[in-house]
Each structure stands twice: as C-alpha cells, then as structure tokens.
C-alpha atoms as a PDB file:
ATOM      1  CA  UNK A   1      19.877   4.140 -10.098  1.00  0.00           C
ATOM      2  CA  UNK A   2      17.666   6.627  -8.407  1.00  0.00           C
ATOM      3  CA  UNK A   3      18.733  10.286  -8.421  1.00  0.00           C
ATOM      4  CA  UNK A   4      18.044  10.416  -4.627  1.00  0.00           C
ATOM      5  CA  UNK A   5      18.450  14.030  -4.064  1.00  0.00           C
ATOM      6  CA  UNK A   6      16.247  15.096  -7.005  1.00  0.00           C
ATOM      7  CA  UNK A   7      13.747  12.745  -6.016  1.00  0.00           C
ATOM      8  CA  UNK A   8      13.560  13.814  -2.297  1.00  0.00           C
ATOM      9  CA  UNK A   9      13.400  17.633  -3.377  1.00  0.00           C
ATOM     10  CA  UNK A  10      10.565  16.702  -5.782  1.00  0.00           C
ATOM     11  CA  UNK A  11       8.965  14.708  -3.026  1.00  0.00           C
ATOM     12  CA  UNK A  12       8.542  17.774  -0.950  1.00  0.00           C
ATOM     13  CA  UNK A  13       5.770  19.092  -3.393  1.00  0.00           C
ATOM     14  CA  UNK A  14       4.482  15.514  -3.991  1.00  0.00           C
ATOM     15  CA  UNK A  15       3.782  14.981  -0.206  1.00  0.00           C
ATOM     16  CA  UNK A  16       2.853  18.615   0.564  1.00  0.00           C
ATOM     17  CA  UNK A  17       0.267  18.402  -2.111  1.00  0.00           C
ATOM     18  CA  UNK A  18      -1.658  15.832  -0.023  1.00  0.00           C
ATOM     19  CA  UNK A  19      -0.819  17.635   3.263  1.00  0.00           C
ATOM     20  CA  UNK A  20      -0.429  14.547   5.350  1.00  0.00           C
ATOM     21  CA  UNK A  21       2.071  13.676   8.159  1.00  0.00           C
ATOM     22  CA  UNK A  22       3.353  10.619   9.937  1.00  0.00           C
ATOM     23  CA  UNK A  23       6.582   9.996  11.849  1.00  0.00           C
ATOM     24  CA  UNK A  24       8.448   7.121  10.522  1.00  0.00           C
ATOM     25  CA  UNK A  25       9.647   6.168  14.163  1.00  0.00           C
ATOM     26  CA  UNK A  26       6.033   5.283  14.835  1.00  0.00           C
ATOM     27  CA  UNK A  27       6.565   2.214  12.694  1.00  0.00           C
ATOM     28  CA  UNK A  28       5.434   1.580   9.216  1.00  0.00           C
ATOM     29  CA  UNK A  29       3.442  -1.520   9.885  1.00  0.00           C
ATOM     30  CA  UNK A  30       1.341  -0.988   6.779  1.00  0.00           C
ATOM     31  CA  UNK A  31       4.349  -1.900   4.632  1.00  0.00           C
ATOM     32  CA  UNK A  32       3.926  -5.437   5.799  1.00  0.00           C
ATOM     33  CA  UNK A  33       0.290  -5.799   4.520  1.00  0.00           C
ATOM     34  CA  UNK A  34      -0.351  -8.121   1.710  1.00  0.00           C
ATOM     35  CA  UNK A  35      -1.624  -6.515  -1.491  1.00  0.00           C
ATOM     36  CA  UNK A  36      -4.992  -8.057  -1.160  1.00  0.00           C
ATOM     37  CA  UNK A  37      -5.416  -6.388   2.299  1.00  0.00           C
ATOM     38  CA  UNK A  38      -5.036  -2.951   0.900  1.00  0.00           C
ATOM     39  CA  UNK A  39      -7.999  -0.618   0.552  1.00  0.00           C
ATOM     40  CA  UNK A  40      -7.466   1.566  -2.493  1.00  0.00           C
ATOM     41  CA  UNK A  41      -9.390   4.241  -4.452  1.00  0.00           C
ATOM     42  CA  UNK A  42     -11.119   2.925  -7.495  1.00  0.00           C
ATOM     43  CA  UNK A  43      -8.161   4.217  -9.674  1.00  0.00           C
ATOM     44  CA  UNK A  44      -6.718   0.814 -11.065  1.00  0.00           C
ATOM     45  CA  UNK A  45      -5.756   1.519 -14.542  1.00  0.00           C
ATOM     46  CA  UNK A  46      -3.533  -0.202 -17.043  1.00  0.00           C
ATOM     47  CA  UNK A  47      -0.961   2.275 -18.707  1.00  0.00           C
ATOM     48  CA  UNK A  48      -0.405   2.679 -22.326  1.00  0.00           C
ATOM     49  CA  UNK A  49       2.368   0.579 -24.041  1.00  0.00           C
ATOM     50  CA  UNK A  50       5.734   1.926 -23.980  1.00  0.00           C
ATOM     51  CA  UNK A  51       8.225   1.378 -26.685  1.00  0.00           C
ATOM     52  CA  UNK A  52       8.708  -2.187 -27.392  1.00  0.00           C
ATOM     53  CA  UNK A  53       5.448  -3.161 -25.939  1.00  0.00           C
ATOM     54  CA  UNK A  54       6.961  -5.118 -22.971  1.00  0.00           C
ATOM     55  CA  UNK A  55       6.928  -2.360 -20.369  1.00  0.00           C
ATOM     56  CA  UNK A  56       4.474   0.382 -19.776  1.00  0.00           C
ATOM     57  CA  UNK A  57       4.602   3.691 -18.369  1.00  0.00           C
ATOM     58  CA  UNK A  58       1.815   4.653 -15.876  1.00  0.00           C
ATOM     59  CA  UNK A  59       1.353   8.319 -15.104  1.00  0.00           C
ATOM     60  CA  UNK A  60      -0.838   9.855 -12.390  1.00  0.00           C
ATOM     61  CA  UNK A  61      -2.183  13.362 -12.858  1.00  0.00           C
ATOM     62  CA  UNK A  62      -3.777  13.116  -9.386  1.00  0.00           C
ATOM     63  CA  UNK A  63      -0.776  12.152  -7.347  1.00  0.00           C
ATOM     64  CA  UNK A  64       2.007  13.610  -9.706  1.00  0.00           C
ATOM     65  CA  UNK A  65       4.209  10.685 -10.539  1.00  0.00           C
ATOM     66  CA  UNK A  66       4.979   8.118 -13.218  1.00  0.00           C
ATOM     67  CA  UNK A  67       6.287   4.602 -12.801  1.00  0.00           C
ATOM     68  CA  UNK A  68       7.238   2.011 -15.493  1.00  0.00           C
ATOM     69  CA  UNK A  69       6.304  -1.752 -15.219  1.00  0.00           C
ATOM     70  CA  UNK A  70       5.998  -4.870 -17.417  1.00  0.00           C
ATOM     71  CA  UNK A  71       2.964  -5.189 -19.497  1.00  0.00           C
ATOM     72  CA  UNK A  72       0.269  -7.077 -17.395  1.00  0.00           C
ATOM     73  CA  UNK A  73       1.195  -5.532 -14.137  1.00  0.00           C
ATOM     74  CA  UNK A  74      -1.289  -2.884 -12.733  1.00  0.00           C
ATOM     75  CA  UNK A  75      -0.957   0.200 -10.735  1.00  0.00           C
ATOM     76  CA  UNK A  76      -3.159   1.335  -7.965  1.00  0.00           C
ATOM     77  CA  UNK A  77      -2.942   4.565  -6.005  1.00  0.00           C
ATOM     78  CA  UNK A  78      -4.565   6.189  -3.195  1.00  0.00           C
ATOM     79  CA  UNK A  79      -4.344   9.423  -1.143  1.00  0.00           C
ATOM     80  CA  UNK A  80      -4.123   7.772   2.057  1.00  0.00           C
ATOM     81  CA  UNK A  81      -4.451   9.400   5.483  1.00  0.00           C
ATOM     82  CA  UNK A  82      -0.754   9.031   5.951  1.00  0.00           C
ATOM     83  CA  UNK A  83       0.232  10.188   2.469  1.00  0.00           C
ATOM     84  CA  UNK A  84       0.406   9.125  -1.060  1.00  0.00           C
ATOM     85  CA  UNK A  85       0.261   5.348  -1.425  1.00  0.00           C
ATOM     86  CA  UNK A  86       1.003   3.441  -4.708  1.00  0.00           C
ATOM     87  CA  UNK A  87       1.034  -0.232  -5.413  1.00  0.00           C
ATOM     88  CA  UNK A  88       2.339  -1.953  -8.616  1.00  0.00           C
ATOM     89  CA  UNK A  89       1.180  -5.367  -8.613  1.00  0.00           C
ATOM     90  CA  UNK A  90       1.816  -8.339 -10.932  1.00  0.00           C
ATOM     91  CA  UNK A  91      -0.910 -10.162 -12.709  1.00  0.00           C
ATOM     92  CA  UNK A  92      -0.645 -13.208 -10.322  1.00  0.00           C
ATOM     93  CA  UNK A  93      -1.184 -10.913  -7.389  1.00  0.00           C
ATOM     94  CA  UNK A  94       1.782 -11.980  -5.366  1.00  0.00           C
ATOM     95  CA  UNK A  95       4.882  -9.850  -6.436  1.00  0.00           C
ATOM     96  CA  UNK A  96       4.311  -6.173  -5.759  1.00  0.00           C
ATOM     97  CA  UNK A  97       6.159  -2.878  -5.297  1.00  0.00           C
ATOM     98  CA  UNK A  98       4.784  -0.392  -2.728  1.00  0.00           C
ATOM     99  CA  UNK A  99       5.761   3.254  -2.755  1.00  0.00           C
ATOM    100  CA  UNK A 100       5.089   5.647   0.173  1.00  0.00           C
ATOM    101  CA  UNK A 101       5.605   9.165   0.612  1.00  0.00           C
ATOM    102  CA  UNK A 102       5.294  11.050   4.148  1.00  0.00           C
ATOM    103  CA  UNK A 103       5.865  14.325   5.774  1.00  0.00           C
ATOM    104  CA  UNK A 104       7.368  14.057   9.066  1.00  0.00           C
ATOM    105  CA  UNK A 105       8.142  17.689  10.747  1.00  0.00           C
ATOM    106  CA  UNK A 106      10.288  15.794  13.389  1.00  0.00           C
ATOM    107  CA  UNK A 107      13.003  15.204  10.789  1.00  0.00           C
ATOM    108  CA  UNK A 108      14.748  18.590  11.434  1.00  0.00           C
ATOM    109  CA  UNK A 109      18.296  17.475  12.052  1.00  0.00           C
ATOM    110  CA  UNK A 110      20.872  14.763  11.234  1.00  0.00           C
ATOM    111  CA  UNK A 111      20.438  13.348  14.699  1.00  0.00           C
ATOM    112  CA  UNK A 112      16.551  13.105  14.207  1.00  0.00           C
ATOM    113  CA  UNK A 113      17.062  11.259  10.810  1.00  0.00           C
ATOM    114  CA  UNK A 114      19.506   8.873  12.433  1.00  0.00           C
ATOM    115  CA  UNK A 115      17.281   8.392  15.423  1.00  0.00           C
ATOM    116  CA  UNK A 116      14.222   7.694  13.045  1.00  0.00           C
ATOM    117  CA  UNK A 117      15.879   5.079  11.112  1.00  0.00           C
ATOM    118  CA  UNK A 118      17.150   3.384  14.263  1.00  0.00           C
ATOM    119  CA  UNK A 119      13.668   3.339  15.740  1.00  0.00           C
ATOM    120  CA  UNK A 120      12.304   1.947  12.589  1.00  0.00           C
ATOM    121  CA  UNK A 121      14.718  -0.869  12.665  1.00  0.00           C
ATOM    122  CA  UNK A 122      13.997  -1.539  16.207  1.00  0.00           C
ATOM    123  CA  UNK A 123      10.161  -1.508  15.572  1.00  0.00           C
ATOM    124  CA  UNK A 124      10.690  -4.128  12.823  1.00  0.00           C
ATOM    125  CA  UNK A 125      12.477  -6.547  15.399  1.00  0.00           C
ATOM    126  CA  UNK A 126       9.256  -6.230  17.544  1.00  0.00           C
ATOM    127  CA  UNK A 127       6.703  -7.108  15.067  1.00  0.00           C
ATOM    128  CA  UNK A 128       5.693 -10.858  15.163  1.00  0.00           C
ATOM    129  CA  UNK A 129       6.691 -12.964  12.438  1.00  0.00           C
ATOM    130  CA  UNK A 130       9.112 -10.258  10.830  1.00  0.00           C
ATOM    131  CA  UNK A 131      12.644 -11.264  10.131  1.00  0.00           C
ATOM    132  CA  UNK A 132      15.187  -8.968   9.003  1.00  0.00           C
ATOM    133  CA  UNK A 133      18.183 -10.458   7.409  1.00  0.00           C
ATOM    134  CA  UNK A 134      20.014  -7.383   6.649  1.00  0.00           C
ATOM    135  CA  UNK A 135      19.601  -3.770   7.496  1.00  0.00           C
ATOM    136  CA  UNK A 136      22.089  -1.084   6.333  1.00  0.00           C
ATOM    137  CA  UNK A 137      22.370   2.508   6.643  1.00  0.00           C
ATOM    138  CA  UNK A 138      23.808   4.806   4.013  1.00  0.00           C
ATOM    139  CA  UNK A 139      24.786   7.810   6.236  1.00  0.00           C
ATOM    140  CA  UNK A 140      23.586  11.246   5.701  1.00  0.00           C
ATOM    141  CA  UNK A 141      24.767  13.179   2.466  1.00  0.00           C
ATOM    142  CA  UNK A 142      23.249  16.441   1.236  1.00  0.00           C
ATOM    143  CA  UNK A 143      20.783  16.576   4.018  1.00  0.00           C
ATOM    144  CA  UNK A 144      19.457  13.096   3.104  1.00  0.00           C
ATOM    145  CA  UNK A 145      19.723   9.793   5.077  1.00  0.00           C
ATOM    146  CA  UNK A 146      19.141   6.559   3.478  1.00  0.00           C
ATOM    147  CA  UNK A 147      18.806   2.878   4.512  1.00  0.00           C
ATOM    148  CA  UNK A 148      18.031  -0.336   2.777  1.00  0.00           C
ATOM    149  CA  UNK A 149      16.954  -3.899   4.175  1.00  0.00           C
ATOM    150  CA  UNK A 150      15.907  -7.421   3.180  1.00  0.00           C
ATOM    151  CA  UNK A 151      13.792  -9.918   5.202  1.00  0.00           C
ATOM    152  CA  UNK A 152      10.648 -11.861   5.505  1.00  0.00           C
ATOM    153  CA  UNK A 153       7.101 -11.107   6.922  1.00  0.00           C
ATOM    154  CA  UNK A 154       4.092 -13.319   7.253  1.00  0.00           C
ATOM    155  CA  UNK A 155       0.957 -12.836   5.328  1.00  0.00           C
ATOM    156  CA  UNK A 156      -2.171 -15.105   6.458  1.00  0.00           C
ATOM    157  CA  UNK A 157       0.235 -18.035   7.191  1.00  0.00           C
ATOM    158  CA  UNK A 158       2.435 -17.452   4.311  1.00  0.00           C
ATOM    159  CA  UNK A 159       5.914 -16.017   4.152  1.00  0.00           C
ATOM    160  CA  UNK A 160       6.801 -13.122   1.819  1.00  0.00           C
ATOM    161  CA  UNK A 161      10.331 -11.992   1.176  1.00  0.00           C
ATOM    162  CA  UNK A 162      11.211  -8.178   0.668  1.00  0.00           C
ATOM    163  CA  UNK A 163      13.580  -5.825  -0.217  1.00  0.00           C
ATOM    164  CA  UNK A 164      13.044  -2.205   0.878  1.00  0.00           C
ATOM    165  CA  UNK A 165      14.784   1.231   0.390  1.00  0.00           C
ATOM    166  CA  UNK A 166      14.173   4.349   2.148  1.00  0.00           C
ATOM    167  CA  UNK A 167      15.192   8.233   2.211  1.00  0.00           C
ATOM    168  CA  UNK A 168      14.610  10.881   4.779  1.00  0.00           C
ATOM    169  CA  UNK A 169      15.480  14.371   4.251  1.00  0.00           C
ATOM    170  CA  UNK A 170      15.980  17.446   6.601  1.00  0.00           C
ATOM    171  CA  UNK A 171      13.100  19.092   4.681  1.00  0.00           C
ATOM    172  CA  UNK A 172      10.935  16.609   6.669  1.00  0.00           C
ATOM    173  CA  UNK A 173      10.047  14.181   3.784  1.00  0.00           C
ATOM    174  CA  UNK A 174      10.408  10.425   3.798  1.00  0.00           C
ATOM    175  CA  UNK A 175      10.146   8.135   0.674  1.00  0.00           C
ATOM    176  CA  UNK A 176       9.891   4.310   1.030  1.00  0.00           C
ATOM    177  CA  UNK A 177       9.761   1.606  -1.607  1.00  0.00           C
ATOM    178  CA  UNK A 178       9.337  -1.958  -0.956  1.00  0.00           C
ATOM    179  CA  UNK A 179       9.490  -4.939  -3.217  1.00  0.00           C
ATOM    180  CA  UNK A 180       7.871  -8.260  -2.151  1.00  0.00           C
ATOM    181  CA  UNK A 181       7.082 -11.656  -3.425  1.00  0.00           C
ATOM    182  CA  UNK A 182       6.798 -15.288  -2.189  1.00  0.00           C
ATOM    183  CA  UNK A 183      10.181 -16.905  -1.436  1.00  0.00           C
ATOM    184  CA  UNK A 184      10.064 -19.293  -4.289  1.00  0.00           C
ATOM    185  CA  UNK A 185       9.856 -16.622  -6.968  1.00  0.00           C
ATOM    186  CA  UNK A 186      11.495 -13.733  -5.202  1.00  0.00           C
ATOM    187  CA  UNK A 187      15.059 -14.147  -6.363  1.00  0.00           C
ATOM    188  CA  UNK A 188      13.646 -13.900 -10.012  1.00  0.00           C
ATOM    189  CA  UNK A 189      11.052 -11.182  -9.604  1.00  0.00           C
ATOM    190  CA  UNK A 190      13.149  -8.797  -7.398  1.00  0.00           C
ATOM    191  CA  UNK A 191      15.314  -7.966 -10.571  1.00  0.00           C
ATOM    192  CA  UNK A 192      12.069  -6.814 -12.131  1.00  0.00           C
ATOM    193  CA  UNK A 193      10.813  -5.070  -9.113  1.00  0.00           C
ATOM    194  CA  UNK A 194      14.118  -3.050  -8.537  1.00  0.00           C
ATOM    195  CA  UNK A 195      13.690  -1.789 -12.144  1.00  0.00           C
ATOM    196  CA  UNK A 196      10.165  -0.711 -11.188  1.00  0.00           C
ATOM    197  CA  UNK A 197      11.389   1.099  -8.017  1.00  0.00           C
ATOM    198  CA  UNK A 198      14.180   2.795 -10.134  1.00  0.00           C
ATOM    199  CA  UNK A 199      11.855   4.004 -12.701  1.00  0.00           C
ATOM    200  CA  UNK A 200       9.637   5.904 -10.245  1.00  0.00           C
ATOM    201  CA  UNK A 201       9.633   9.660 -10.962  1.00  0.00           C
ATOM    202  CA  UNK A 202       7.820  12.462  -9.268  1.00  0.00           C
ATOM    203  CA  UNK A 203       6.523  14.828 -11.803  1.00  0.00           C
END
C-alpha cells in the first residue's frame, strides 16, 4: 500500500523541480491516450535486474523517482509541459501504468480539493466513449484528498479498461497513477500493474 502522505510531501519537491502547473479540474484528457500516441524524450531504458531476476527496479536521476516492474517491461519518462510524465509499458505494448505529477496552486483548501475531484469526475462523463463504472472519493485526511475509479476508454476503435488512483494535497500537488490494458487481459494484468503503482517511490 502506498504511504500516501509521505509520497505527496515528497511529491512537492518532485513536481517543483520541474516547475510546471496544471489544474486537475481542466480535465486530464492526456491520461486516456494510448501508449503508442505518447511523445516521450529519448530516455527509454531497461533497468538492471533486481533480486530474483523476475522484477527490475528503474531509477531516474533526471526526474527523481524509482519504480519496480516485471522483467521485459520498459520505462519511459518525460518532463512534459504539464509536469513529470512516466510510462511503464509491457513488452506487448498494450498494458501500461502511467504516472503524472502536477502543481495546482488552486488546491489551497479542502473545498478546492473536493471541487477539483468533482470537476474531474464530471469531465470524464463528458468525454466521448469514456465510461466510468465506479468513482469513489476517500475524503480528506491530513490535508490530502484521494479518489479512485475504474472504467473504459476508446483507443483507435479499441476499448481499454483502466484503474486509476489520485491524490491531491493542500500544498498544491497532485499525483495520478493509471493502470490500463485491453479488456480480455485486464483482470490478469491489473494485479501486476497495481504492484507497479505501489512500488513507485519519489527520491
């Protein structure tokens, strides 16, 4: 399980390092893009083997994070205009975990966090082809509000299923992690993808 408070606090430096800002309420449409539509920097590395050789640990000096993944998966990272953008992609190119960090100076109160989450949920409903089957908020504790959701979104005529978690803090930071795969393999791959999400660490 993620140590949410520690991750969000560490996320301040992680995001501030890249000095970008984007309001979650504007709609995080980029999260629905397929991996092959992404435009990343040339950094696309295979990490060294971890103990046992079945999982690997990828460490980024540039963006200041580490993440574990099965051998054969790859990690791509970019310092996007909206903030750090990390993609962990399986060898088949379908299943992926995407991790985004943002600064949003409007997240300055519990009401602003609740409103931003509600606006995000509303924006999902307005996007063509997107179906949210469950959207749950976790309340605001220790100045951090969380949410999670599941659903489907279209990619060039094909459906993808996804599981997403997000946290927003009163310090103006947001961290969003999404796991997605084709429907026929999602139930199996989401177990691995959640482990990848849980392994994400900000250095």
